[in-house]
Amino acid sequence: MISPKPIELAGHGMRLEPLRAEHESALMEAAADGTLWELWYTVVPAPAETKGYIDLALQRQDEGKMLPWAVREAASGKIVGSTRFHDIVPDIDRVEIGYTWYAKSWQRSHVNTACKLLLMTHAFEQLGCEVVGFRTDKFNFTSQRAIEGLGAKKDGVVRHFGKRRDGSARDVVMYSVIASEWPEVKNHLTRRLARHGKHEGRA
């Protein structure tokens, strides 16, 4: 049975720091790069919502439902976004990776691949997960392409599943990687990072 706990994950030019109240101003600055809260299908907090966003994430962490991180790009030292494990189900060794967002200037860079490699390595190799899931809004085509680019398999669409920030009900597209697929997915992500010049062990 998995037992996720707050832990710093580092490598491939990135550092994932357990989310803390002190990250508030840096996350506000990151979200302002592209005014990401204006995207109606995402969960990026507006400036006035950032403290509540962090408080709720930490409450869910205390309940054992989530494990949130702030994402720091090591070379620049900047906090560039946030990500987390969520919908943690210890009895079946399952986590999902989501609530992920990055400042606009860091999108389409090495950041997402590096973070997903760190998170999935931790999930499969340290925690012993049997499956890592992903979900995204049916209208978030950029996210769908990114998840598929990681090597995750599409499980299907769950209709009327949750609520968007504008109050509308949303359909979500579900993906997953199972433990037997992880070695191939890891090799794919490692090769992709090598093309960005971000090699194993580089902080």
N, C-alpha and C. Protein backbone atom coordinates (compact mmCIF):
# COMPACT_ATOMS: atom_id res chain seq x y z
N MET A 1 0.85 -1.20 0.00
CA MET A 1 0.00 0.00 0.00
C MET A 1 0.89 1.24 0.00
N ILE A 2 0.69 2.13 -0.97
CA ILE A 2 1.51 3.33 -1.06
C ILE A 2 1.20 4.29 0.08
N SER A 3 2.20 5.11 0.42
CA SER A 3 2.04 6.10 1.48
C SER A 3 2.79 7.38 1.11
N PRO A 4 2.24 8.16 0.18
CA PRO A 4 2.93 9.38 -0.27
C PRO A 4 3.09 10.39 0.87
N LYS A 5 4.27 10.97 0.96
CA LYS A 5 4.56 12.00 1.95
C LYS A 5 5.28 13.16 1.25
N PRO A 6 5.19 14.38 1.81
CA PRO A 6 5.89 15.52 1.21
C PRO A 6 7.38 15.23 1.08
N ILE A 7 7.94 15.49 -0.10
CA ILE A 7 9.34 15.23 -0.37
C ILE A 7 9.79 16.12 -1.51
N GLU A 8 11.02 16.61 -1.44
CA GLU A 8 11.57 17.38 -2.55
C GLU A 8 12.11 16.42 -3.60
N LEU A 9 11.79 16.70 -4.86
CA LEU A 9 12.27 15.91 -5.99
C LEU A 9 13.11 16.82 -6.87
N ALA A 10 14.32 16.38 -7.22
CA ALA A 10 15.21 17.24 -7.99
C ALA A 10 15.93 16.45 -9.06
N GLY A 11 16.17 17.11 -10.19
CA GLY A 11 16.91 16.52 -11.30
C GLY A 11 16.42 17.09 -12.61
N HIS A 12 17.20 16.84 -13.68
CA HIS A 12 16.81 17.24 -15.03
C HIS A 12 16.56 18.75 -15.15
N GLY A 13 17.29 19.53 -14.33
CA GLY A 13 17.15 20.97 -14.40
C GLY A 13 15.97 21.53 -13.63
N MET A 14 15.31 20.69 -12.81
CA MET A 14 14.12 21.13 -12.08
C MET A 14 14.22 20.74 -10.62
N ARG A 15 13.47 21.46 -9.80
CA ARG A 15 13.32 21.09 -8.39
C ARG A 15 11.85 21.24 -8.02
N LEU A 16 11.25 20.17 -7.54
CA LEU A 16 9.87 20.20 -7.07
C LEU A 16 9.90 20.31 -5.55
N GLU A 17 9.43 21.43 -5.04
CA GLU A 17 9.47 21.72 -3.61
C GLU A 17 8.08 21.52 -3.01
N PRO A 18 7.97 20.78 -1.89
CA PRO A 18 6.66 20.66 -1.24
C PRO A 18 6.03 22.04 -1.07
N LEU A 19 4.79 22.17 -1.50
CA LEU A 19 4.12 23.47 -1.50
C LEU A 19 4.00 24.01 -0.08
N ARG A 20 4.32 25.29 0.09
CA ARG A 20 4.25 25.96 1.38
C ARG A 20 3.61 27.34 1.21
N ALA A 21 3.16 27.89 2.32
CA ALA A 21 2.56 29.23 2.29
C ALA A 21 3.53 30.26 1.74
N GLU A 22 4.84 30.05 1.97
CA GLU A 22 5.85 31.01 1.52
C GLU A 22 5.97 31.07 0.00
N HIS A 23 5.37 30.14 -0.71
CA HIS A 23 5.43 30.16 -2.17
C HIS A 23 4.39 31.11 -2.79
N GLU A 24 3.57 31.74 -1.98
CA GLU A 24 2.44 32.52 -2.51
C GLU A 24 2.86 33.58 -3.51
N SER A 25 3.80 34.45 -3.15
CA SER A 25 4.15 35.56 -4.04
C SER A 25 4.80 35.06 -5.33
N ALA A 26 5.62 34.00 -5.23
CA ALA A 26 6.27 33.46 -6.43
C ALA A 26 5.26 32.82 -7.36
N LEU A 27 4.25 32.14 -6.81
CA LEU A 27 3.21 31.56 -7.65
C LEU A 27 2.36 32.64 -8.30
N MET A 28 2.10 33.72 -7.59
CA MET A 28 1.36 34.84 -8.19
C MET A 28 2.12 35.41 -9.38
N GLU A 29 3.43 35.54 -9.23
CA GLU A 29 4.26 36.06 -10.32
C GLU A 29 4.26 35.10 -11.51
N ALA A 30 4.35 33.80 -11.24
CA ALA A 30 4.36 32.81 -12.33
C ALA A 30 3.04 32.82 -13.09
N ALA A 31 1.92 32.87 -12.36
CA ALA A 31 0.61 32.86 -13.00
C ALA A 31 0.36 34.12 -13.81
N ALA A 32 0.99 35.24 -13.39
CA ALA A 32 0.82 36.50 -14.11
C ALA A 32 1.50 36.47 -15.47
N ASP A 33 2.46 35.55 -15.65
CA ASP A 33 3.14 35.38 -16.94
C ASP A 33 2.18 34.65 -17.88
N GLY A 34 1.36 35.42 -18.56
CA GLY A 34 0.35 34.86 -19.45
C GLY A 34 -1.06 34.96 -18.91
N THR A 35 -1.21 35.65 -17.74
CA THR A 35 -2.52 35.76 -17.07
C THR A 35 -3.30 34.44 -17.18
N LEU A 36 -2.69 33.39 -16.65
CA LEU A 36 -3.19 32.03 -16.86
C LEU A 36 -4.57 31.79 -16.24
N TRP A 37 -4.93 32.57 -15.22
CA TRP A 37 -6.23 32.38 -14.58
C TRP A 37 -7.39 32.72 -15.51
N GLU A 38 -7.10 33.38 -16.63
CA GLU A 38 -8.17 33.72 -17.57
C GLU A 38 -8.60 32.54 -18.43
N LEU A 39 -7.84 31.43 -18.40
CA LEU A 39 -8.22 30.23 -19.14
C LEU A 39 -9.32 29.52 -18.38
N TRP A 40 -10.51 29.49 -18.92
CA TRP A 40 -11.69 29.05 -18.19
C TRP A 40 -11.70 27.56 -17.87
N TYR A 41 -10.87 26.76 -18.57
CA TYR A 41 -10.89 25.32 -18.33
C TYR A 41 -9.74 24.86 -17.42
N THR A 42 -9.01 25.79 -16.81
CA THR A 42 -7.90 25.41 -15.95
C THR A 42 -8.17 25.80 -14.50
N VAL A 43 -7.24 25.42 -13.61
CA VAL A 43 -7.40 25.69 -12.18
C VAL A 43 -6.32 26.64 -11.67
N VAL A 44 -5.77 27.48 -12.53
CA VAL A 44 -4.74 28.41 -12.12
C VAL A 44 -5.39 29.55 -11.31
N PRO A 45 -4.84 29.85 -10.12
CA PRO A 45 -5.49 30.87 -9.29
C PRO A 45 -5.19 32.29 -9.76
N ALA A 46 -6.20 33.14 -9.68
CA ALA A 46 -5.99 34.58 -9.86
C ALA A 46 -5.22 35.10 -8.66
N PRO A 47 -4.58 36.28 -8.76
CA PRO A 47 -3.76 36.77 -7.66
C PRO A 47 -4.44 36.75 -6.29
N ALA A 48 -5.68 37.22 -6.24
CA ALA A 48 -6.38 37.27 -4.96
C ALA A 48 -6.78 35.89 -4.44
N GLU A 49 -6.71 34.88 -5.30
CA GLU A 49 -7.12 33.52 -4.92
C GLU A 49 -5.94 32.63 -4.51
N THR A 50 -4.72 33.14 -4.65
CA THR A 50 -3.55 32.28 -4.49
C THR A 50 -3.41 31.74 -3.08
N LYS A 51 -3.63 32.56 -2.07
CA LYS A 51 -3.52 32.07 -0.69
C LYS A 51 -4.52 30.95 -0.44
N GLY A 52 -5.76 31.14 -0.87
CA GLY A 52 -6.78 30.11 -0.69
C GLY A 52 -6.45 28.84 -1.45
N TYR A 53 -5.85 29.01 -2.63
CA TYR A 53 -5.43 27.87 -3.45
C TYR A 53 -4.40 27.03 -2.69
N ILE A 54 -3.42 27.70 -2.09
CA ILE A 54 -2.39 26.99 -1.32
C ILE A 54 -2.99 26.37 -0.07
N ASP A 55 -3.82 27.12 0.66
CA ASP A 55 -4.42 26.61 1.89
C ASP A 55 -5.23 25.35 1.63
N LEU A 56 -6.02 25.35 0.55
CA LEU A 56 -6.85 24.18 0.24
C LEU A 56 -5.98 22.99 -0.15
N ALA A 57 -4.93 23.25 -0.92
CA ALA A 57 -4.02 22.16 -1.31
C ALA A 57 -3.39 21.52 -0.08
N LEU A 58 -2.97 22.35 0.88
CA LEU A 58 -2.34 21.83 2.09
C LEU A 58 -3.36 21.11 2.98
N GLN A 59 -4.60 21.57 2.97
CA GLN A 59 -5.65 20.86 3.70
C GLN A 59 -5.87 19.47 3.10
N ARG A 60 -5.92 19.40 1.78
CA ARG A 60 -6.09 18.10 1.11
C ARG A 60 -4.87 17.20 1.35
N GLN A 61 -3.69 17.82 1.48
CA GLN A 61 -2.50 17.04 1.81
C GLN A 61 -2.64 16.41 3.19
N ASP A 62 -3.11 17.21 4.15
CA ASP A 62 -3.30 16.70 5.51
C ASP A 62 -4.33 15.57 5.55
N GLU A 63 -5.28 15.60 4.64
CA GLU A 63 -6.31 14.56 4.56
C GLU A 63 -5.83 13.31 3.81
N GLY A 64 -4.63 13.38 3.23
CA GLY A 64 -4.09 12.25 2.49
C GLY A 64 -4.62 12.13 1.08
N LYS A 65 -5.24 13.20 0.56
CA LYS A 65 -5.86 13.15 -0.76
C LYS A 65 -4.97 13.73 -1.85
N MET A 66 -4.03 14.59 -1.48
CA MET A 66 -3.20 15.27 -2.47
C MET A 66 -1.79 15.43 -1.92
N LEU A 67 -0.85 15.66 -2.85
CA LEU A 67 0.53 15.97 -2.49
C LEU A 67 1.00 17.04 -3.47
N PRO A 68 0.96 18.32 -3.05
CA PRO A 68 1.27 19.42 -3.97
C PRO A 68 2.72 19.89 -3.91
N TRP A 69 3.21 20.37 -5.05
CA TRP A 69 4.56 20.92 -5.16
C TRP A 69 4.52 22.28 -5.85
N ALA A 70 5.49 23.12 -5.52
CA ALA A 70 5.85 24.28 -6.33
C ALA A 70 6.99 23.85 -7.24
N VAL A 71 6.98 24.32 -8.49
CA VAL A 71 7.96 23.91 -9.49
C VAL A 71 9.00 25.02 -9.67
N ARG A 72 10.27 24.69 -9.38
CA ARG A 72 11.35 25.66 -9.53
C ARG A 72 12.29 25.23 -10.66
N GLU A 73 12.58 26.13 -11.58
CA GLU A 73 13.55 25.88 -12.63
C GLU A 73 14.93 26.21 -12.06
N ALA A 74 15.80 25.20 -12.04
CA ALA A 74 17.03 25.32 -11.24
C ALA A 74 17.98 26.40 -11.77
N ALA A 75 18.17 26.49 -13.07
CA ALA A 75 19.15 27.42 -13.62
C ALA A 75 18.78 28.88 -13.32
N SER A 76 17.51 29.20 -13.44
CA SER A 76 17.06 30.58 -13.19
C SER A 76 16.73 30.82 -11.73
N GLY A 77 16.43 29.75 -11.00
CA GLY A 77 16.01 29.87 -9.62
C GLY A 77 14.57 30.29 -9.45
N LYS A 78 13.83 30.39 -10.55
CA LYS A 78 12.46 30.90 -10.51
C LYS A 78 11.43 29.80 -10.26
N ILE A 79 10.42 30.12 -9.47
CA ILE A 79 9.23 29.29 -9.39
C ILE A 79 8.45 29.53 -10.66
N VAL A 80 8.16 28.46 -11.41
CA VAL A 80 7.54 28.62 -12.72
C VAL A 80 6.16 27.97 -12.81
N GLY A 81 5.67 27.41 -11.69
CA GLY A 81 4.35 26.79 -11.73
C GLY A 81 4.12 25.88 -10.55
N SER A 82 3.18 24.97 -10.72
CA SER A 82 2.80 24.07 -9.64
C SER A 82 2.27 22.77 -10.23
N THR A 83 2.36 21.70 -9.45
CA THR A 83 1.83 20.41 -9.86
C THR A 83 1.53 19.60 -8.60
N ARG A 84 0.86 18.47 -8.74
CA ARG A 84 0.58 17.66 -7.55
C ARG A 84 0.14 16.25 -7.91
N PHE A 85 0.29 15.35 -6.94
CA PHE A 85 -0.44 14.09 -6.95
C PHE A 85 -1.82 14.38 -6.39
N HIS A 86 -2.84 13.80 -6.97
CA HIS A 86 -4.20 13.96 -6.42
C HIS A 86 -4.97 12.67 -6.62
N ASP A 87 -6.16 12.62 -6.03
CA ASP A 87 -6.97 11.40 -6.06
C ASP A 87 -6.10 10.19 -5.73
N ILE A 88 -5.39 10.30 -4.61
CA ILE A 88 -4.52 9.23 -4.13
C ILE A 88 -5.38 8.11 -3.55
N VAL A 89 -5.19 6.89 -4.06
CA VAL A 89 -5.95 5.73 -3.58
C VAL A 89 -4.95 4.67 -3.11
N PRO A 90 -4.56 4.71 -1.82
CA PRO A 90 -3.52 3.80 -1.34
C PRO A 90 -3.86 2.32 -1.51
N ASP A 91 -5.13 1.96 -1.36
CA ASP A 91 -5.53 0.54 -1.40
C ASP A 91 -5.23 -0.12 -2.74
N ILE A 92 -5.19 0.66 -3.82
CA ILE A 92 -4.90 0.08 -5.14
C ILE A 92 -3.64 0.69 -5.74
N ASP A 93 -2.85 1.37 -4.89
CA ASP A 93 -1.55 1.90 -5.32
C ASP A 93 -1.68 2.79 -6.55
N ARG A 94 -2.58 3.76 -6.45
CA ARG A 94 -2.86 4.66 -7.58
C ARG A 94 -2.73 6.11 -7.16
N VAL A 95 -2.11 6.91 -8.01
CA VAL A 95 -2.15 8.36 -7.88
C VAL A 95 -2.48 8.92 -9.26
N GLU A 96 -2.96 10.15 -9.28
CA GLU A 96 -3.06 10.90 -10.52
C GLU A 96 -2.14 12.10 -10.41
N ILE A 97 -1.60 12.52 -11.55
CA ILE A 97 -0.80 13.74 -11.63
C ILE A 97 -1.65 14.80 -12.31
N GLY A 98 -1.77 15.94 -11.66
CA GLY A 98 -2.60 16.99 -12.25
C GLY A 98 -2.46 18.31 -11.51
N TYR A 99 -3.45 19.19 -11.70
CA TYR A 99 -3.39 20.56 -11.17
C TYR A 99 -2.07 21.19 -11.62
N THR A 100 -1.63 20.84 -12.82
CA THR A 100 -0.33 21.27 -13.32
C THR A 100 -0.48 22.52 -14.19
N TRP A 101 0.33 23.51 -13.91
CA TRP A 101 0.38 24.70 -14.75
C TRP A 101 1.76 25.33 -14.68
N TYR A 102 2.14 25.98 -15.76
CA TYR A 102 3.45 26.64 -15.85
C TYR A 102 3.28 28.02 -16.44
N ALA A 103 4.12 28.93 -16.01
CA ALA A 103 4.15 30.27 -16.60
C ALA A 103 4.30 30.16 -18.11
N LYS A 104 3.65 31.06 -18.83
CA LYS A 104 3.59 30.95 -20.29
C LYS A 104 4.97 30.87 -20.93
N SER A 105 5.92 31.62 -20.41
CA SER A 105 7.24 31.65 -21.03
C SER A 105 8.01 30.33 -20.85
N TRP A 106 7.52 29.45 -19.98
CA TRP A 106 8.17 28.15 -19.78
C TRP A 106 7.41 27.01 -20.41
N GLN A 107 6.29 27.31 -21.03
CA GLN A 107 5.55 26.27 -21.73
C GLN A 107 6.28 25.91 -23.02
N ARG A 108 6.12 24.68 -23.46
CA ARG A 108 6.79 24.18 -24.66
C ARG A 108 8.31 24.20 -24.49
N SER A 109 8.77 24.02 -23.24
CA SER A 109 10.20 23.91 -22.95
C SER A 109 10.43 22.52 -22.34
N HIS A 110 11.60 22.33 -21.73
CA HIS A 110 11.90 21.06 -21.07
C HIS A 110 11.12 20.87 -19.78
N VAL A 111 10.47 21.91 -19.27
CA VAL A 111 9.93 21.89 -17.91
C VAL A 111 8.92 20.77 -17.70
N ASN A 112 7.91 20.65 -18.56
CA ASN A 112 6.87 19.65 -18.33
C ASN A 112 7.42 18.23 -18.40
N THR A 113 8.24 17.95 -19.40
CA THR A 113 8.81 16.60 -19.51
C THR A 113 9.65 16.26 -18.29
N ALA A 114 10.47 17.20 -17.83
CA ALA A 114 11.32 16.97 -16.67
C ALA A 114 10.50 16.71 -15.42
N CYS A 115 9.46 17.52 -15.22
CA CYS A 115 8.62 17.34 -14.04
C CYS A 115 7.88 16.01 -14.07
N LYS A 116 7.36 15.63 -15.23
CA LYS A 116 6.63 14.36 -15.31
C LYS A 116 7.59 13.19 -15.09
N LEU A 117 8.82 13.30 -15.57
CA LEU A 117 9.79 12.24 -15.33
C LEU A 117 10.10 12.12 -13.84
N LEU A 118 10.29 13.24 -13.16
CA LEU A 118 10.52 13.20 -11.72
C LEU A 118 9.34 12.60 -10.97
N LEU A 119 8.14 13.04 -11.32
CA LEU A 119 6.94 12.58 -10.61
C LEU A 119 6.66 11.11 -10.85
N MET A 120 6.78 10.66 -12.10
CA MET A 120 6.49 9.25 -12.37
C MET A 120 7.58 8.33 -11.84
N THR A 121 8.83 8.79 -11.86
CA THR A 121 9.90 7.99 -11.26
C THR A 121 9.62 7.81 -9.78
N HIS A 122 9.24 8.88 -9.10
CA HIS A 122 8.92 8.78 -7.67
C HIS A 122 7.72 7.85 -7.45
N ALA A 123 6.69 8.01 -8.28
CA ALA A 123 5.48 7.20 -8.11
C ALA A 123 5.75 5.71 -8.30
N PHE A 124 6.41 5.36 -9.40
CA PHE A 124 6.60 3.94 -9.72
C PHE A 124 7.78 3.31 -8.96
N GLU A 125 8.88 4.05 -8.81
CA GLU A 125 10.10 3.44 -8.30
C GLU A 125 10.31 3.64 -6.80
N GLN A 126 9.78 4.72 -6.23
CA GLN A 126 9.91 4.90 -4.78
C GLN A 126 8.64 4.51 -4.02
N LEU A 127 7.49 4.95 -4.52
CA LEU A 127 6.24 4.65 -3.81
C LEU A 127 5.71 3.26 -4.14
N GLY A 128 6.00 2.74 -5.33
CA GLY A 128 5.48 1.44 -5.72
C GLY A 128 4.08 1.49 -6.31
N CYS A 129 3.77 2.56 -7.02
CA CYS A 129 2.44 2.66 -7.65
C CYS A 129 2.28 1.61 -8.74
N GLU A 130 1.06 1.15 -8.90
CA GLU A 130 0.71 0.25 -10.00
C GLU A 130 0.19 1.01 -11.20
N VAL A 131 -0.30 2.22 -10.97
CA VAL A 131 -0.83 3.03 -12.06
C VAL A 131 -0.72 4.51 -11.69
N VAL A 132 -0.41 5.32 -12.70
CA VAL A 132 -0.42 6.78 -12.57
C VAL A 132 -1.42 7.30 -13.60
N GLY A 133 -2.39 8.05 -13.13
CA GLY A 133 -3.43 8.57 -14.01
C GLY A 133 -3.26 10.05 -14.29
N PHE A 134 -3.92 10.49 -15.35
CA PHE A 134 -3.97 11.90 -15.75
C PHE A 134 -5.40 12.19 -16.20
N ARG A 135 -5.85 13.40 -16.01
CA ARG A 135 -7.15 13.81 -16.55
C ARG A 135 -7.06 15.26 -16.99
N THR A 136 -7.88 15.61 -17.97
CA THR A 136 -7.91 16.99 -18.42
C THR A 136 -9.27 17.30 -19.03
N ASP A 137 -9.60 18.57 -19.08
CA ASP A 137 -10.87 19.00 -19.66
C ASP A 137 -10.92 18.63 -21.14
N LYS A 138 -12.09 18.28 -21.61
CA LYS A 138 -12.22 17.88 -23.03
C LYS A 138 -11.88 19.01 -23.99
N PHE A 139 -11.94 20.25 -23.51
CA PHE A 139 -11.60 21.39 -24.37
C PHE A 139 -10.15 21.83 -24.21
N ASN A 140 -9.41 21.20 -23.31
CA ASN A 140 -8.01 21.56 -23.12
C ASN A 140 -7.15 20.71 -24.06
N PHE A 141 -7.19 21.06 -25.33
CA PHE A 141 -6.51 20.25 -26.35
C PHE A 141 -5.00 20.29 -26.18
N THR A 142 -4.47 21.42 -25.70
CA THR A 142 -3.03 21.51 -25.46
C THR A 142 -2.60 20.48 -24.42
N SER A 143 -3.37 20.38 -23.34
CA SER A 143 -3.07 19.41 -22.28
C SER A 143 -3.20 17.98 -22.79
N GLN A 144 -4.21 17.72 -23.59
CA GLN A 144 -4.38 16.37 -24.14
C GLN A 144 -3.18 15.96 -24.99
N ARG A 145 -2.71 16.87 -25.83
CA ARG A 145 -1.55 16.57 -26.66
C ARG A 145 -0.31 16.33 -25.80
N ALA A 146 -0.17 17.13 -24.74
CA ALA A 146 0.99 16.99 -23.86
C ALA A 146 0.96 15.64 -23.13
N ILE A 147 -0.20 15.23 -22.64
CA ILE A 147 -0.32 13.95 -21.94
C ILE A 147 -0.04 12.80 -22.90
N GLU A 148 -0.60 12.87 -24.09
CA GLU A 148 -0.36 11.81 -25.08
C GLU A 148 1.11 11.77 -25.47
N GLY A 149 1.76 12.94 -25.50
CA GLY A 149 3.17 13.01 -25.82
C GLY A 149 4.07 12.36 -24.78
N LEU A 150 3.55 12.22 -23.55
CA LEU A 150 4.30 11.54 -22.51
C LEU A 150 4.33 10.03 -22.70
N GLY A 151 3.36 9.52 -23.46
CA GLY A 151 3.24 8.08 -23.64
C GLY A 151 2.10 7.46 -22.87
N ALA A 152 1.25 8.28 -22.23
CA ALA A 152 0.09 7.76 -21.51
C ALA A 152 -0.97 7.27 -22.49
N LYS A 153 -1.72 6.25 -22.07
CA LYS A 153 -2.79 5.69 -22.89
C LYS A 153 -4.13 6.35 -22.52
N LYS A 154 -4.92 6.63 -23.53
CA LYS A 154 -6.24 7.23 -23.30
C LYS A 154 -7.22 6.16 -22.84
N ASP A 155 -7.81 6.36 -21.66
CA ASP A 155 -8.78 5.41 -21.11
C ASP A 155 -10.20 5.71 -21.56
N GLY A 156 -10.50 6.98 -21.80
CA GLY A 156 -11.84 7.34 -22.23
C GLY A 156 -12.25 8.70 -21.72
N VAL A 157 -13.52 9.04 -21.92
CA VAL A 157 -14.07 10.32 -21.51
C VAL A 157 -15.15 10.07 -20.47
N VAL A 158 -15.05 10.77 -19.34
CA VAL A 158 -16.08 10.70 -18.31
C VAL A 158 -16.91 11.97 -18.43
N ARG A 159 -18.18 11.81 -18.70
CA ARG A 159 -19.05 12.95 -18.95
C ARG A 159 -19.62 13.51 -17.66
N HIS A 160 -19.78 14.85 -17.66
CA HIS A 160 -20.37 15.57 -16.52
C HIS A 160 -19.63 15.23 -15.24
N PHE A 161 -18.31 15.42 -15.27
CA PHE A 161 -17.44 15.01 -14.17
C PHE A 161 -16.74 16.22 -13.60
N GLY A 162 -17.31 16.84 -12.58
CA GLY A 162 -16.70 18.01 -11.96
C GLY A 162 -17.22 19.32 -12.54
N LYS A 163 -16.66 20.41 -12.01
CA LYS A 163 -17.13 21.74 -12.35
C LYS A 163 -15.94 22.62 -12.73
N ARG A 164 -16.13 23.42 -13.79
CA ARG A 164 -15.11 24.38 -14.19
C ARG A 164 -15.19 25.63 -13.30
N ARG A 165 -14.16 26.48 -13.41
CA ARG A 165 -14.13 27.69 -12.58
C ARG A 165 -15.29 28.64 -12.91
N ASP A 166 -15.86 28.54 -14.14
CA ASP A 166 -16.99 29.39 -14.48
C ASP A 166 -18.33 28.80 -14.05
N GLY A 167 -18.29 27.64 -13.37
CA GLY A 167 -19.50 27.02 -12.86
C GLY A 167 -20.10 25.97 -13.76
N SER A 168 -19.66 25.87 -14.99
CA SER A 168 -20.21 24.88 -15.92
C SER A 168 -19.68 23.48 -15.60
N ALA A 169 -20.49 22.48 -15.90
CA ALA A 169 -20.04 21.10 -15.72
C ALA A 169 -19.11 20.73 -16.85
N ARG A 170 -18.14 19.88 -16.56
CA ARG A 170 -17.17 19.53 -17.58
C ARG A 170 -17.09 18.03 -17.80
N ASP A 171 -16.73 17.67 -19.02
CA ASP A 171 -16.35 16.30 -19.34
C ASP A 171 -14.83 16.23 -19.23
N VAL A 172 -14.31 15.10 -18.74
CA VAL A 172 -12.86 14.97 -18.62
C VAL A 172 -12.37 13.78 -19.44
N VAL A 173 -11.19 13.96 -20.03
CA VAL A 173 -10.52 12.89 -20.76
C VAL A 173 -9.53 12.24 -19.80
N MET A 174 -9.62 10.91 -19.64
CA MET A 174 -8.80 10.18 -18.69
C MET A 174 -7.70 9.42 -19.42
N TYR A 175 -6.50 9.45 -18.83
CA TYR A 175 -5.33 8.74 -19.35
C TYR A 175 -4.66 7.99 -18.20
N SER A 176 -3.79 7.03 -18.55
CA SER A 176 -3.02 6.35 -17.51
C SER A 176 -1.76 5.72 -18.08
N VAL A 177 -0.82 5.48 -17.18
CA VAL A 177 0.36 4.66 -17.43
C VAL A 177 0.38 3.60 -16.34
N ILE A 178 0.48 2.32 -16.69
CA ILE A 178 0.55 1.26 -15.69
C ILE A 178 2.00 0.84 -15.50
N ALA A 179 2.26 0.16 -14.39
CA ALA A 179 3.63 -0.13 -14.00
C ALA A 179 4.40 -0.89 -15.08
N SER A 180 3.76 -1.81 -15.78
CA SER A 180 4.46 -2.58 -16.81
C SER A 180 4.87 -1.72 -17.99
N GLU A 181 4.22 -0.57 -18.19
CA GLU A 181 4.56 0.34 -19.29
C GLU A 181 5.64 1.35 -18.91
N TRP A 182 5.91 1.47 -17.61
CA TRP A 182 6.79 2.51 -17.13
C TRP A 182 8.19 2.46 -17.73
N PRO A 183 8.86 1.31 -17.83
CA PRO A 183 10.22 1.34 -18.40
C PRO A 183 10.27 1.95 -19.80
N GLU A 184 9.30 1.63 -20.63
CA GLU A 184 9.28 2.19 -21.98
C GLU A 184 9.00 3.69 -21.95
N VAL A 185 8.04 4.10 -21.10
CA VAL A 185 7.71 5.52 -20.98
C VAL A 185 8.91 6.28 -20.42
N LYS A 186 9.60 5.72 -19.43
CA LYS A 186 10.78 6.38 -18.85
C LYS A 186 11.86 6.57 -19.92
N ASN A 187 12.09 5.56 -20.72
CA ASN A 187 13.09 5.67 -21.79
C ASN A 187 12.71 6.78 -22.77
N HIS A 188 11.43 6.84 -23.12
CA HIS A 188 10.94 7.88 -24.03
C HIS A 188 11.16 9.27 -23.46
N LEU A 189 10.82 9.47 -22.18
CA LEU A 189 10.97 10.78 -21.56
C LEU A 189 12.44 11.17 -21.40
N THR A 190 13.28 10.19 -21.07
CA THR A 190 14.71 10.46 -20.92
C THR A 190 15.31 10.89 -22.25
N ARG A 191 14.93 10.21 -23.34
CA ARG A 191 15.44 10.58 -24.65
C ARG A 191 14.93 11.96 -25.07
N ARG A 192 13.69 12.26 -24.74
CA ARG A 192 13.15 13.58 -25.08
C ARG A 192 13.91 14.67 -24.35
N LEU A 193 14.22 14.45 -23.07
CA LEU A 193 14.98 15.44 -22.31
C LEU A 193 16.38 15.60 -22.86
N ALA A 194 16.98 14.51 -23.31
CA ALA A 194 18.33 14.59 -23.87
C ALA A 194 18.37 15.53 -25.07
N ARG A 195 17.27 15.57 -25.81
CA ARG A 195 17.22 16.48 -26.95
C ARG A 195 17.18 17.93 -26.51
N HIS A 196 16.69 18.15 -25.26
CA HIS A 196 16.69 19.50 -24.69
C HIS A 196 18.00 19.80 -23.99
N GLY A 197 18.89 18.79 -23.88
CA GLY A 197 20.15 19.01 -23.19
C GLY A 197 20.04 18.92 -21.71
N LYS A 198 18.94 18.30 -21.21
CA LYS A 198 18.74 18.16 -19.76
C LYS A 198 18.95 16.70 -19.40
N HIS A 199 20.12 16.38 -18.90
CA HIS A 199 20.49 14.99 -18.69
C HIS A 199 20.27 14.56 -17.24
N GLU A 200 20.26 13.28 -17.05
CA GLU A 200 20.10 12.68 -15.72
C GLU A 200 21.10 13.27 -14.75
N GLY A 201 20.56 13.70 -13.58
CA GLY A 201 21.44 14.16 -12.51
C GLY A 201 21.73 15.66 -12.54
N ARG A 202 21.42 16.33 -13.62
CA ARG A 202 21.69 17.77 -13.66
C ARG A 202 20.66 18.49 -12.82
N ALA A 203 21.11 19.32 -11.88
CA ALA A 203 20.19 20.00 -10.97
C ALA A 203 19.61 21.27 -11.58
